[in-house]
C-alpha atoms as a PDB file:
ATOM      1  CA  UNK A   1     -15.505 -42.011  -7.889  1.00  0.00           C
ATOM      2  CA  UNK A   2     -14.272 -38.504  -6.279  1.00  0.00           C
ATOM      3  CA  UNK A   3     -12.749 -39.135  -2.462  1.00  0.00           C
ATOM      4  CA  UNK A   4     -13.632 -36.476  -0.392  1.00  0.00           C
ATOM      5  CA  UNK A   5     -12.234 -34.964   2.247  1.00  0.00           C
ATOM      6  CA  UNK A   6     -13.688 -34.418   5.411  1.00  0.00           C
ATOM      7  CA  UNK A   7     -10.764 -32.249   6.971  1.00  0.00           C
ATOM      8  CA  UNK A   8      -7.926 -30.165   5.851  1.00  0.00           C
ATOM      9  CA  UNK A   9      -4.665 -31.230   6.512  1.00  0.00           C
ATOM     10  CA  UNK A  10      -3.057 -30.700  10.316  1.00  0.00           C
ATOM     11  CA  UNK A  11      -0.938 -27.827  10.519  1.00  0.00           C
ATOM     12  CA  UNK A  12       0.929 -28.168  13.416  1.00  0.00           C
ATOM     13  CA  UNK A  13       3.641 -25.225  14.193  1.00  0.00           C
ATOM     14  CA  UNK A  14       5.356 -27.284  17.563  1.00  0.00           C
ATOM     15  CA  UNK A  15       6.857 -29.923  15.670  1.00  0.00           C
ATOM     16  CA  UNK A  16      10.414 -30.827  16.981  1.00  0.00           C
ATOM     17  CA  UNK A  17      11.780 -29.849  12.956  1.00  0.00           C
ATOM     18  CA  UNK A  18      10.697 -28.848   9.909  1.00  0.00           C
ATOM     19  CA  UNK A  19      13.721 -29.239   8.022  1.00  0.00           C
ATOM     20  CA  UNK A  20      16.690 -31.873   7.711  1.00  0.00           C
ATOM     21  CA  UNK A  21      19.533 -31.038   9.838  1.00  0.00           C
ATOM     22  CA  UNK A  22      21.978 -30.065   7.102  1.00  0.00           C
ATOM     23  CA  UNK A  23      21.616 -27.041   5.879  1.00  0.00           C
ATOM     24  CA  UNK A  24      23.158 -28.627   2.316  1.00  0.00           C
ATOM     25  CA  UNK A  25      19.600 -30.503   2.242  1.00  0.00           C
ATOM     26  CA  UNK A  26      17.801 -27.897   2.220  1.00  0.00           C
ATOM     27  CA  UNK A  27      17.010 -26.834  -1.095  1.00  0.00           C
ATOM     28  CA  UNK A  28      18.454 -29.194  -4.431  1.00  0.00           C
ATOM     29  CA  UNK A  29      21.923 -29.055  -6.058  1.00  0.00           C
ATOM     30  CA  UNK A  30      20.843 -26.577  -9.116  1.00  0.00           C
ATOM     31  CA  UNK A  31      19.537 -23.883  -6.965  1.00  0.00           C
ATOM     32  CA  UNK A  32      21.196 -20.343  -7.889  1.00  0.00           C
ATOM     33  CA  UNK A  33      21.999 -20.444  -3.974  1.00  0.00           C
ATOM     34  CA  UNK A  34      24.592 -22.682  -3.737  1.00  0.00           C
ATOM     35  CA  UNK A  35      26.968 -21.139  -7.402  1.00  0.00           C
ATOM     36  CA  UNK A  36      26.771 -17.440  -5.796  1.00  0.00           C
ATOM     37  CA  UNK A  37      28.589 -19.268  -2.051  1.00  0.00           C
ATOM     38  CA  UNK A  38      30.679 -21.145  -4.871  1.00  0.00           C
ATOM     39  CA  UNK A  39      31.575 -18.056  -6.540  1.00  0.00           C
ATOM     40  CA  UNK A  40      32.467 -15.751  -3.560  1.00  0.00           C
ATOM     41  CA  UNK A  41      35.131 -18.696  -2.196  1.00  0.00           C
ATOM     42  CA  UNK A  42      36.269 -18.470  -5.386  1.00  0.00           C
ATOM     43  CA  UNK A  43      36.771 -14.590  -5.406  1.00  0.00           C
ATOM     44  CA  UNK A  44      39.386 -12.774  -4.617  1.00  0.00           C
ATOM     45  CA  UNK A  45      38.569 -11.667  -1.158  1.00  0.00           C
ATOM     46  CA  UNK A  46      41.324 -10.431   0.703  1.00  0.00           C
ATOM     47  CA  UNK A  47      40.812  -6.761   0.534  1.00  0.00           C
ATOM     48  CA  UNK A  48      38.240  -7.165   2.199  1.00  0.00           C
ATOM     49  CA  UNK A  49      39.774  -9.197   4.860  1.00  0.00           C
ATOM     50  CA  UNK A  50      42.531  -6.508   5.436  1.00  0.00           C
ATOM     51  CA  UNK A  51      40.211  -4.273   6.977  1.00  0.00           C
ATOM     52  CA  UNK A  52      38.589  -6.965   9.154  1.00  0.00           C
ATOM     53  CA  UNK A  53      38.993  -6.398  12.897  1.00  0.00           C
ATOM     54  CA  UNK A  54      40.281  -9.722  14.524  1.00  0.00           C
ATOM     55  CA  UNK A  55      41.805 -10.317  18.119  1.00  0.00           C
ATOM     56  CA  UNK A  56      40.400  -7.653  19.193  1.00  0.00           C
ATOM     57  CA  UNK A  57      38.012  -7.725  22.149  1.00  0.00           C
ATOM     58  CA  UNK A  58      34.551  -7.705  22.299  1.00  0.00           C
ATOM     59  CA  UNK A  59      32.227 -10.047  19.939  1.00  0.00           C
ATOM     60  CA  UNK A  60      33.396 -11.672  16.792  1.00  0.00           C
ATOM     61  CA  UNK A  61      32.802 -10.071  13.731  1.00  0.00           C
ATOM     62  CA  UNK A  62      30.663 -11.388  10.561  1.00  0.00           C
ATOM     63  CA  UNK A  63      32.921 -13.121   8.128  1.00  0.00           C
ATOM     64  CA  UNK A  64      33.854 -10.660   5.594  1.00  0.00           C
ATOM     65  CA  UNK A  65      33.173 -13.642   2.645  1.00  0.00           C
ATOM     66  CA  UNK A  66      29.415 -14.207   4.122  1.00  0.00           C
ATOM     67  CA  UNK A  67      28.599 -10.699   3.852  1.00  0.00           C
ATOM     68  CA  UNK A  68      29.807 -10.904   0.404  1.00  0.00           C
ATOM     69  CA  UNK A  69      27.660 -13.330  -0.380  1.00  0.00           C
ATOM     70  CA  UNK A  70      24.537 -12.422   1.211  1.00  0.00           C
ATOM     71  CA  UNK A  71      25.067  -8.842  -1.183  1.00  0.00           C
ATOM     72  CA  UNK A  72      25.601 -11.267  -4.122  1.00  0.00           C
ATOM     73  CA  UNK A  73      22.797 -12.801  -4.059  1.00  0.00           C
ATOM     74  CA  UNK A  74      20.195  -9.813  -2.924  1.00  0.00           C
ATOM     75  CA  UNK A  75      21.639  -8.516  -6.175  1.00  0.00           C
ATOM     76  CA  UNK A  76      20.362 -11.288  -7.797  1.00  0.00           C
ATOM     77  CA  UNK A  77      17.566 -11.319  -6.289  1.00  0.00           C
ATOM     78  CA  UNK A  78      16.662  -7.239  -6.403  1.00  0.00           C
ATOM     79  CA  UNK A  79      16.864  -6.941  -3.206  1.00  0.00           C
ATOM     80  CA  UNK A  80      18.808  -3.811  -2.056  1.00  0.00           C
ATOM     81  CA  UNK A  81      17.466  -2.610   1.326  1.00  0.00           C
ATOM     82  CA  UNK A  82      20.060  -3.867   4.020  1.00  0.00           C
ATOM     83  CA  UNK A  83      16.634  -4.025   6.180  1.00  0.00           C
ATOM     84  CA  UNK A  84      15.087  -6.514   3.892  1.00  0.00           C
ATOM     85  CA  UNK A  85      18.456  -8.485   3.701  1.00  0.00           C
ATOM     86  CA  UNK A  86      18.294  -8.941   7.510  1.00  0.00           C
ATOM     87  CA  UNK A  87      14.659  -9.870   7.628  1.00  0.00           C
ATOM     88  CA  UNK A  88      14.927 -12.445   4.820  1.00  0.00           C
ATOM     89  CA  UNK A  89      18.425 -13.841   6.276  1.00  0.00           C
ATOM     90  CA  UNK A  90      15.505 -15.021   9.221  1.00  0.00           C
ATOM     91  CA  UNK A  91      12.451 -15.989   7.086  1.00  0.00           C
ATOM     92  CA  UNK A  92      14.187 -16.957   3.229  1.00  0.00           C
ATOM     93  CA  UNK A  93      15.792 -20.424   3.080  1.00  0.00           C
ATOM     94  CA  UNK A  94      18.481 -18.951   0.527  1.00  0.00           C
ATOM     95  CA  UNK A  95      19.447 -16.502   2.536  1.00  0.00           C
ATOM     96  CA  UNK A  96      19.826 -18.647   5.490  1.00  0.00           C
ATOM     97  CA  UNK A  97      22.052 -20.826   3.800  1.00  0.00           C
ATOM     98  CA  UNK A  98      23.970 -18.087   2.931  1.00  0.00           C
ATOM     99  CA  UNK A  99      24.229 -16.558   6.607  1.00  0.00           C
ATOM    100  CA  UNK A 100      24.204 -20.416   8.179  1.00  0.00           C
ATOM    101  CA  UNK A 101      21.638 -19.154  10.337  1.00  0.00           C
ATOM    102  CA  UNK A 102      22.927 -16.165  12.310  1.00  0.00           C
ATOM    103  CA  UNK A 103      21.646 -12.652  11.019  1.00  0.00           C
ATOM    104  CA  UNK A 104      23.386 -10.033  10.553  1.00  0.00           C
ATOM    105  CA  UNK A 105      21.655  -6.718  11.615  1.00  0.00           C
ATOM    106  CA  UNK A 106      20.867  -4.285   9.261  1.00  0.00           C
ATOM    107  CA  UNK A 107      22.923  -1.569  10.394  1.00  0.00           C
ATOM    108  CA  UNK A 108      26.009  -3.881   9.733  1.00  0.00           C
ATOM    109  CA  UNK A 109      25.197  -4.358   6.405  1.00  0.00           C
ATOM    110  CA  UNK A 110      24.732  -1.310   5.643  1.00  0.00           C
ATOM    111  CA  UNK A 111      27.857   0.208   7.169  1.00  0.00           C
ATOM    112  CA  UNK A 112      29.897  -3.004   5.453  1.00  0.00           C
ATOM    113  CA  UNK A 113      28.501  -1.531   2.122  1.00  0.00           C
ATOM    114  CA  UNK A 114      29.764   2.256   3.262  1.00  0.00           C
ATOM    115  CA  UNK A 115      33.050   0.958   4.374  1.00  0.00           C
ATOM    116  CA  UNK A 116      33.450  -0.963   1.241  1.00  0.00           C
ATOM    117  CA  UNK A 117      31.755   0.088  -1.411  1.00  0.00           C
ATOM    118  CA  UNK A 118      34.544   0.565  -4.057  1.00  0.00           C
ATOM    119  CA  UNK A 119      35.966  -3.080  -3.653  1.00  0.00           C
ATOM    120  CA  UNK A 120      32.158  -4.340  -3.158  1.00  0.00           C
ATOM    121  CA  UNK A 121      31.678  -2.488  -6.778  1.00  0.00           C
ATOM    122  CA  UNK A 122      34.989  -4.856  -7.986  1.00  0.00           C
ATOM    123  CA  UNK A 123      33.864  -8.143  -6.443  1.00  0.00           C
ATOM    124  CA  UNK A 124      30.146  -7.875  -7.503  1.00  0.00           C
ATOM    125  CA  UNK A 125      31.191  -6.849 -11.222  1.00  0.00           C
ATOM    126  CA  UNK A 126      33.308 -10.076 -10.538  1.00  0.00           C
ATOM    127  CA  UNK A 127      30.513 -12.424  -9.533  1.00  0.00           C
ATOM    128  CA  UNK A 128      28.723 -11.098 -13.077  1.00  0.00           C
ATOM    129  CA  UNK A 129      31.746 -11.734 -14.931  1.00  0.00           C
ATOM    130  CA  UNK A 130      31.653 -15.339 -14.026  1.00  0.00           C
ATOM    131  CA  UNK A 131      28.062 -16.379 -14.190  1.00  0.00           C
ATOM    132  CA  UNK A 132      28.897 -14.820 -17.981  1.00  0.00           C
ATOM    133  CA  UNK A 133      31.814 -16.178 -18.699  1.00  0.00           C
ATOM    134  CA  UNK A 134      30.211 -19.810 -17.324  1.00  0.00           C
ATOM    135  CA  UNK A 135      27.469 -19.325 -20.024  1.00  0.00           C
ATOM    136  CA  UNK A 136      24.563 -17.724 -17.822  1.00  0.00           C
ATOM    137  CA  UNK A 137      22.210 -15.498 -19.104  1.00  0.00           C
ATOM    138  CA  UNK A 138      21.431 -13.862 -15.453  1.00  0.00           C
ATOM    139  CA  UNK A 139      21.901 -14.131 -12.012  1.00  0.00           C
ATOM    140  CA  UNK A 140      18.735 -14.556 -10.579  1.00  0.00           C
ATOM    141  CA  UNK A 141      17.154 -11.130 -11.969  1.00  0.00           C
ATOM    142  CA  UNK A 142      19.991  -9.439 -13.176  1.00  0.00           C
ATOM    143  CA  UNK A 143      20.088 -10.558 -17.186  1.00  0.00           C
ATOM    144  CA  UNK A 144      23.222  -9.659 -18.715  1.00  0.00           C
ATOM    145  CA  UNK A 145      22.089  -9.725 -22.813  1.00  0.00           C
ATOM    146  CA  UNK A 146      22.858 -13.344 -23.468  1.00  0.00           C
ATOM    147  CA  UNK A 147      26.506 -11.570 -24.082  1.00  0.00           C
ATOM    148  CA  UNK A 148      29.318 -14.461 -22.821  1.00  0.00           C
ATOM    149  CA  UNK A 149      32.865 -13.071 -22.692  1.00  0.00           C
ATOM    150  CA  UNK A 150      35.069 -14.098 -25.204  1.00  0.00           C
ATOM    151  CA  UNK A 151      39.124 -14.829 -24.745  1.00  0.00           C
ATOM    152  CA  UNK A 152      40.383 -13.907 -27.867  1.00  0.00           C
ATOM    153  CA  UNK A 153      37.579 -10.404 -28.521  1.00  0.00           C
ATOM    154  CA  UNK A 154      39.058  -8.321 -25.592  1.00  0.00           C
ATOM    155  CA  UNK A 155      37.240  -5.570 -27.316  1.00  0.00           C
ATOM    156  CA  UNK A 156      34.042  -7.043 -26.454  1.00  0.00           C
ATOM    157  CA  UNK A 157      34.678  -7.984 -23.056  1.00  0.00           C
ATOM    158  CA  UNK A 158      35.890  -5.096 -22.541  1.00  0.00           C
ATOM    159  CA  UNK A 159      32.574  -3.633 -23.122  1.00  0.00           C
ATOM    160  CA  UNK A 160      30.876  -6.757 -22.062  1.00  0.00           C
ATOM    161  CA  UNK A 161      32.522  -5.864 -18.572  1.00  0.00           C
ATOM    162  CA  UNK A 162      31.754  -1.793 -18.500  1.00  0.00           C
ATOM    163  CA  UNK A 163      27.964  -3.322 -18.638  1.00  0.00           C
ATOM    164  CA  UNK A 164      27.810  -5.479 -15.941  1.00  0.00           C
ATOM    165  CA  UNK A 165      30.133  -3.244 -13.291  1.00  0.00           C
ATOM    166  CA  UNK A 166      27.285  -0.550 -14.607  1.00  0.00           C
ATOM    167  CA  UNK A 167      24.587  -3.177 -13.081  1.00  0.00           C
ATOM    168  CA  UNK A 168      27.025  -3.421 -10.224  1.00  0.00           C
ATOM    169  CA  UNK A 169      26.787   0.497 -10.005  1.00  0.00           C
ATOM    170  CA  UNK A 170      23.312   0.872 -10.072  1.00  0.00           C
ATOM    171  CA  UNK A 171      22.457  -2.010  -7.771  1.00  0.00           C
ATOM    172  CA  UNK A 172      25.140  -0.123  -4.902  1.00  0.00           C
ATOM    173  CA  UNK A 173      23.027   2.853  -5.653  1.00  0.00           C
ATOM    174  CA  UNK A 174      20.076   1.748  -4.942  1.00  0.00           C
ATOM    175  CA  UNK A 175      20.933  -0.044  -2.033  1.00  0.00           C
ATOM    176  CA  UNK A 176      22.628   3.405  -0.797  1.00  0.00           C
ATOM    177  CA  UNK A 177      19.528   5.742  -1.444  1.00  0.00           C
ATOM    178  CA  UNK A 178      16.927   2.661  -0.370  1.00  0.00           C
ATOM    179  CA  UNK A 179      19.558   2.637   3.110  1.00  0.00           C
ATOM    180  CA  UNK A 180      19.047   6.182   3.477  1.00  0.00           C
ATOM    181  CA  UNK A 181      15.522   6.940   3.504  1.00  0.00           C
ATOM    182  CA  UNK A 182      14.402   3.828   5.098  1.00  0.00           C
ATOM    183  CA  UNK A 183      16.814   5.644   7.900  1.00  0.00           C
ATOM    184  CA  UNK A 184      15.136   8.535   7.587  1.00  0.00           C
ATOM    185  CA  UNK A 185      11.646   6.733   7.878  1.00  0.00           C
ATOM    186  CA  UNK A 186      12.444   4.277  10.543  1.00  0.00           C
ATOM    187  CA  UNK A 187      15.069   5.589  12.075  1.00  0.00           C
ATOM    188  CA  UNK A 188      19.335   4.557  12.004  1.00  0.00           C
ATOM    189  CA  UNK A 189      18.340   1.491  14.783  1.00  0.00           C
ATOM    190  CA  UNK A 190      15.051   0.415  13.978  1.00  0.00           C
ATOM    191  CA  UNK A 191      14.333  -2.336  11.069  1.00  0.00           C
ATOM    192  CA  UNK A 192      10.628  -1.093  10.509  1.00  0.00           C
ATOM    193  CA  UNK A 193       8.400  -3.742  10.812  1.00  0.00           C
ATOM    194  CA  UNK A 194       9.155  -4.871  14.727  1.00  0.00           C
ATOM    195  CA  UNK A 195       5.894  -5.845  16.888  1.00  0.00           C
ATOM    196  CA  UNK A 196       5.391  -3.868  19.639  1.00  0.00           C
ATOM    197  CA  UNK A 197       6.534  -4.984  22.777  1.00  0.00           C
ATOM    198  CA  UNK A 198       3.049  -6.524  23.719  1.00  0.00           C
ATOM    199  CA  UNK A 199       2.609  -8.951  20.902  1.00  0.00           C
ATOM    200  CA  UNK A 200       5.448 -10.830  21.639  1.00  0.00           C
ATOM    201  CA  UNK A 201       5.043 -13.277  23.723  1.00  0.00           C
ATOM    202  CA  UNK A 202       2.135 -15.331  22.884  1.00  0.00           C
ATOM    203  CA  UNK A 203      -0.103 -15.208  25.561  1.00  0.00           C
ATOM    204  CA  UNK A 204      -0.072 -11.670  25.450  1.00  0.00           C
ATOM    205  CA  UNK A 205      -0.180 -11.406  21.517  1.00  0.00           C
ATOM    206  CA  UNK A 206      -3.538 -13.031  21.956  1.00  0.00           C
ATOM    207  CA  UNK A 207      -5.312 -11.361  24.692  1.00  0.00           C
ATOM    208  CA  UNK A 208      -4.038  -8.042  22.262  1.00  0.00           C
ATOM    209  CA  UNK A 209      -5.507  -9.277  19.300  1.00  0.00           C
ATOM    210  CA  UNK A 210      -8.607 -10.229  21.099  1.00  0.00           C
ATOM    211  CA  UNK A 211      -9.352  -7.013  22.697  1.00  0.00           C
ATOM    212  CA  UNK A 212      -8.356  -4.968  19.008  1.00  0.00           C
ATOM    213  CA  UNK A 213     -11.004  -7.127  17.259  1.00  0.00           C
ATOM    214  CA  UNK A 214     -13.638  -6.512  20.286  1.00  0.00           C
ATOM    215  CA  UNK A 215     -12.998  -2.639  19.937  1.00  0.00           C
ATOM    216  CA  UNK A 216     -12.977  -2.853  15.758  1.00  0.00           C
ATOM    217  CA  UNK A 217     -16.451  -4.416  15.927  1.00  0.00           C
ATOM    218  CA  UNK A 218     -17.405  -1.772  18.775  1.00  0.00           C
ATOM    219  CA  UNK A 219     -16.087   0.911  16.635  1.00  0.00           C
ATOM    220  CA  UNK A 220     -18.439  -0.882  13.122  1.00  0.00           C
ATOM    221  CA  UNK A 221     -21.418  -0.715  15.605  1.00  0.00           C
ATOM    222  CA  UNK A 222     -20.943   2.838  16.644  1.00  0.00           C
ATOM    223  CA  UNK A 223     -20.440   4.350  12.206  1.00  0.00           C
ATOM    224  CA  UNK A 224     -23.404   2.018  11.839  1.00  0.00           C
ATOM    225  CA  UNK A 225     -25.630   3.243  14.308  1.00  0.00           C
ATOM    226  CA  UNK A 226     -24.533   6.849  13.135  1.00  0.00           C
ATOM    227  CA  UNK A 227     -25.042   5.902   9.874  1.00  0.00           C
ATOM    228  CA  UNK A 228     -28.248   5.120   9.778  1.00  0.00           C
ATOM    229  CA  UNK A 229     -29.438   8.088  12.424  1.00  0.00           C
ATOM    230  CA  UNK A 230     -27.501  10.319   9.891  1.00  0.00           C
ATOM    231  CA  UNK A 231     -29.533   8.647   7.616  1.00  0.00           C
ATOM    232  CA  UNK A 232     -33.461   8.937   9.308  1.00  0.00           C
ATOM    233  CA  UNK A 233     -31.995  12.587   9.225  1.00  0.00           C
ATOM    234  CA  UNK A 234     -31.611  12.900   6.264  1.00  0.00           C
ATOM    235  CA  UNK A 235     -35.071  11.402   5.469  1.00  0.00           C
ATOM    236  CA  UNK A 236     -36.928  13.528   8.350  1.00  0.00           C
ATOM    237  CA  UNK A 237     -35.360  16.944   6.604  1.00  0.00           C
ATOM    238  CA  UNK A 238     -36.426  15.520   2.764  1.00  0.00           C
ATOM    239  CA  UNK A 239     -39.930  14.457   3.975  1.00  0.00           C
ATOM    240  CA  UNK A 240     -40.140  18.179   6.269  1.00  0.00           C
ATOM    241  CA  UNK A 241     -38.361  20.303   3.340  1.00  0.00           C
ATOM    242  CA  UNK A 242     -41.286  19.010   1.022  1.00  0.00           C
ATOM    243  CA  UNK A 243     -44.259  19.706   2.889  1.00  0.00           C
ATOM    244  CA  UNK A 244     -46.569  22.130   2.122  1.00  0.00           C
ATOM    245  CA  UNK A 245     -47.826  22.683   5.190  1.00  0.00           C
ATOM    246  CA  UNK A 246     -44.512  22.995   7.318  1.00  0.00           C
ATOM    247  CA  UNK A 247     -42.071  25.531   7.922  1.00  0.00           C
ATOM    248  CA  UNK A 248     -39.449  26.377   4.840  1.00  0.00           C
ATOM    249  CA  UNK A 249     -35.853  24.199   6.405  1.00  0.00           C
ATOM    250  CA  UNK A 250     -33.293  26.932   5.815  1.00  0.00           C
ATOM    251  CA  UNK A 251     -29.509  26.287   6.358  1.00  0.00           C
ATOM    252  CA  UNK A 252     -27.692  23.524   5.174  1.00  0.00           C
ATOM    253  CA  UNK A 253     -29.603  19.706   4.565  1.00  0.00           C
ATOM    254  CA  UNK A 254     -27.563  17.060   6.509  1.00  0.00           C
ATOM    255  CA  UNK A 255     -25.020  15.587   4.919  1.00  0.00           C
ATOM    256  CA  UNK A 256     -26.550  11.878   4.284  1.00  0.00           C
ATOM    257  CA  UNK A 257     -29.493  13.698   2.488  1.00  0.00           C
ATOM    258  CA  UNK A 258     -28.996  13.365  -1.084  1.00  0.00           C
ATOM    259  CA  UNK A 259     -29.148  16.963  -2.375  1.00  0.00           C
ATOM    260  CA  UNK A 260     -31.066  15.557  -5.673  1.00  0.00           C
ATOM    261  CA  UNK A 261     -34.086  14.623  -3.310  1.00  0.00           C
ATOM    262  CA  UNK A 262     -33.647  18.041  -1.198  1.00  0.00           C
ATOM    263  CA  UNK A 263     -33.678  20.184  -4.420  1.00  0.00           C
ATOM    264  CA  UNK A 264     -36.926  18.403  -5.781  1.00  0.00           C
ATOM    265  CA  UNK A 265     -38.226  18.646  -2.272  1.00  0.00           C
ATOM    266  CA  UNK A 266     -38.208  22.195  -1.740  1.00  0.00           C
ATOM    267  CA  UNK A 267     -39.088  23.138  -5.302  1.00  0.00           C
ATOM    268  CA  UNK A 268     -42.164  20.660  -5.034  1.00  0.00           C
ATOM    269  CA  UNK A 269     -43.124  22.288  -1.530  1.00  0.00           C
ATOM    270  CA  UNK A 270     -42.463  25.758  -3.335  1.00  0.00           C
ATOM    271  CA  UNK A 271     -44.875  24.827  -6.310  1.00  0.00           C
ATOM    272  CA  UNK A 272     -47.810  23.474  -4.515  1.00  0.00           C
ATOM    273  CA  UNK A 273     -48.070  26.379  -2.182  1.00  0.00           C
ATOM    274  CA  UNK A 274     -47.920  29.020  -4.815  1.00  0.00           C
ATOM    275  CA  UNK A 275     -50.641  26.797  -6.473  1.00  0.00           C
ATOM    276  CA  UNK A 276     -52.943  27.012  -3.340  1.00  0.00           C
ATOM    277  CA  UNK A 277     -51.924  31.179  -3.240  1.00  0.00           C
ATOM    278  CA  UNK A 278     -53.138  31.202  -7.090  1.00  0.00           C
ATOM    279  CA  UNK A 279     -56.095  28.545  -6.528  1.00  0.00           C
ATOM    280  CA  UNK A 280     -57.752  30.825  -3.052  1.00  0.00           C
ATOM    281  CA  UNK A 281     -56.168  34.296  -4.894  1.00  0.00           C
ATOM    282  CA  UNK A 282     -58.976  32.757  -8.108  1.00  0.00           C
ATOM    283  CA  UNK A 283     -61.616  32.138  -5.940  1.00  0.00           C
ATOM    284  CA  UNK A 284     -61.907  35.363  -4.711  1.00  0.00           C
ATOM    285  CA  UNK A 285     -61.591  37.049  -7.944  1.00  0.00           C
ATOM    286  CA  UNK A 286     -64.745  34.756  -9.089  1.00  0.00           C
ATOM    287  CA  UNK A 287     -66.447  36.596  -5.402  1.00  0.00           C
ATOM    288  CA  UNK A 288     -65.399  39.741  -6.145  1.00  0.00           C
ATOM    289  CA  UNK A 289     -66.872  39.299  -9.509  1.00  0.00           C
ATOM    290  CA  UNK A 290     -70.508  37.688  -8.932  1.00  0.00           C
ATOM    291  CA  UNK A 291     -70.503  41.208  -6.669  1.00  0.00           C
ATOM    292  CA  UNK A 292     -69.774  42.974  -9.773  1.00  0.00           C
ATOM    293  CA  UNK A 293     -66.603  44.691  -8.309  1.00  0.00           C
ATOM    294  CA  UNK A 294     -62.331  43.807  -9.113  1.00  0.00           C
ATOM    295  CA  UNK A 295     -60.585  42.495  -6.271  1.00  0.00           C
ATOM    296  CA  UNK A 296     -58.103  44.798  -5.281  1.00  0.00           C
ATOM    297  CA  UNK A 297     -53.930  44.247  -5.110  1.00  0.00           C
ATOM    298  CA  UNK A 298     -51.316  42.652  -6.879  1.00  0.00           C
ATOM    299  CA  UNK A 299     -52.290  39.203  -8.772  1.00  0.00           C
ATOM    300  CA  UNK A 300     -51.570  36.411  -7.194  1.00  0.00           C
ATOM    301  CA  UNK A 301     -48.506  34.561  -9.334  1.00  0.00           C
ATOM    302  CA  UNK A 302     -49.469  30.873 -11.278  1.00  0.00           C
ATOM    303  CA  UNK A 303     -47.345  28.693 -10.500  1.00  0.00           C
ATOM    304  CA  UNK A 304     -45.135  28.318 -13.456  1.00  0.00           C
ATOM    305  CA  UNK A 305     -44.562  32.366 -13.305  1.00  0.00           C
ATOM    306  CA  UNK A 306     -43.803  32.183  -9.668  1.00  0.00           C
ATOM    307  CA  UNK A 307     -40.238  33.732  -9.338  1.00  0.00           C
ATOM    308  CA  UNK A 308     -39.569  31.551  -6.212  1.00  0.00           C
ATOM    309  CA  UNK A 309     -40.716  28.349  -7.588  1.00  0.00           C
ATOM    310  CA  UNK A 310     -38.831  29.114 -11.071  1.00  0.00           C
ATOM    311  CA  UNK A 311     -35.921  29.750  -8.973  1.00  0.00           C
ATOM    312  CA  UNK A 312     -36.145  25.964  -7.131  1.00  0.00           C
ATOM    313  CA  UNK A 313     -36.761  24.254 -10.905  1.00  0.00           C
ATOM    314  CA  UNK A 314     -33.650  25.710 -11.859  1.00  0.00           C
ATOM    315  CA  UNK A 315     -31.539  24.937  -8.406  1.00  0.00           C
ATOM    316  CA  UNK A 316     -33.479  21.206  -8.781  1.00  0.00           C
ATOM    317  CA  UNK A 317     -32.562  21.124 -13.077  1.00  0.00           C
ATOM    318  CA  UNK A 318     -29.477  22.166 -11.592  1.00  0.00           C
ATOM    319  CA  UNK A 319     -28.692  19.150  -9.190  1.00  0.00           C
ATOM    320  CA  UNK A 320     -30.183  16.948 -11.459  1.00  0.00           C
ATOM    321  CA  UNK A 321     -27.268  18.058 -14.158  1.00  0.00           C
ATOM    322  CA  UNK A 322     -25.152  17.278 -11.075  1.00  0.00           C
ATOM    323  CA  UNK A 323     -26.055  14.018 -10.590  1.00  0.00           C
ATOM    324  CA  UNK A 324     -26.384  12.337 -14.358  1.00  0.00           C
ATOM    325  CA  UNK A 325     -22.623  14.113 -14.399  1.00  0.00           C
ATOM    326  CA  UNK A 326     -20.604  14.717 -11.714  1.00  0.00           C
ATOM    327  CA  UNK A 327     -17.548  16.279 -11.908  1.00  0.00           C
ATOM    328  CA  UNK A 328     -14.402  14.468 -12.399  1.00  0.00           C
END
């Protein structure tokens, strides 16, 4: 017998801690992030440390090895934007592990990439070579075409290294272009997804959301009322346009009026008026004939021969064709 749940699972965002105290327990041992961390620890990063400024006044800088690990892991996941790396350091468990919870600003990441472009290309290529040597067919989203580097096949090894270096160069080129485009879009110091100041406080945020929802509903109601008024005006216009006893509606029809309905109403109105005139003329002709006279003046045209009726009939047929085969 199936058990019927009577309530949802609890969603308690105020509970003290959701993750184990140690970061090493946050992800399983076979997660890619542990390999990337271990790989960078064994690769030669002396060139990056040589340019680091230690012992100066001010805040301590970020460990180059940590920043390098971020770039290798970001490359493995196709993340080229420094801003996106910064975001992921605050929201993605693996990225949080890499930076140990100390999120670098996107400007720091972009500057590090620019200042160490050549050395970073070497480091990224070396990380890909290491993964391929270990028999990995890909590093995250970066595929190696299944090529393992063979020690006794230098020609193949060089060709493989050239291919992997090209992957590293492509990543760095995309990263530079992405950062430049986002700098132009958001400003160099802005991440681009910051909340407005009045949405950062929990109490004020709830109030502003309520106010915004009320404003959205007010606009929707106003739009519904406007649409209803436009539909009513359009219906009245079509009715008047088709009234043989009314005055012809000149000018442009309301936006909400159906062009086909307007064209048909105008045609039918003029047809009815022409038919009434023709019928009245026929009565006069018969009366004059009874008196032995011939009715003077221009004869009234039958509705199907009336030029204005023919013009409006053609306008209706054109509108019908447009409705059946709208322009693309």
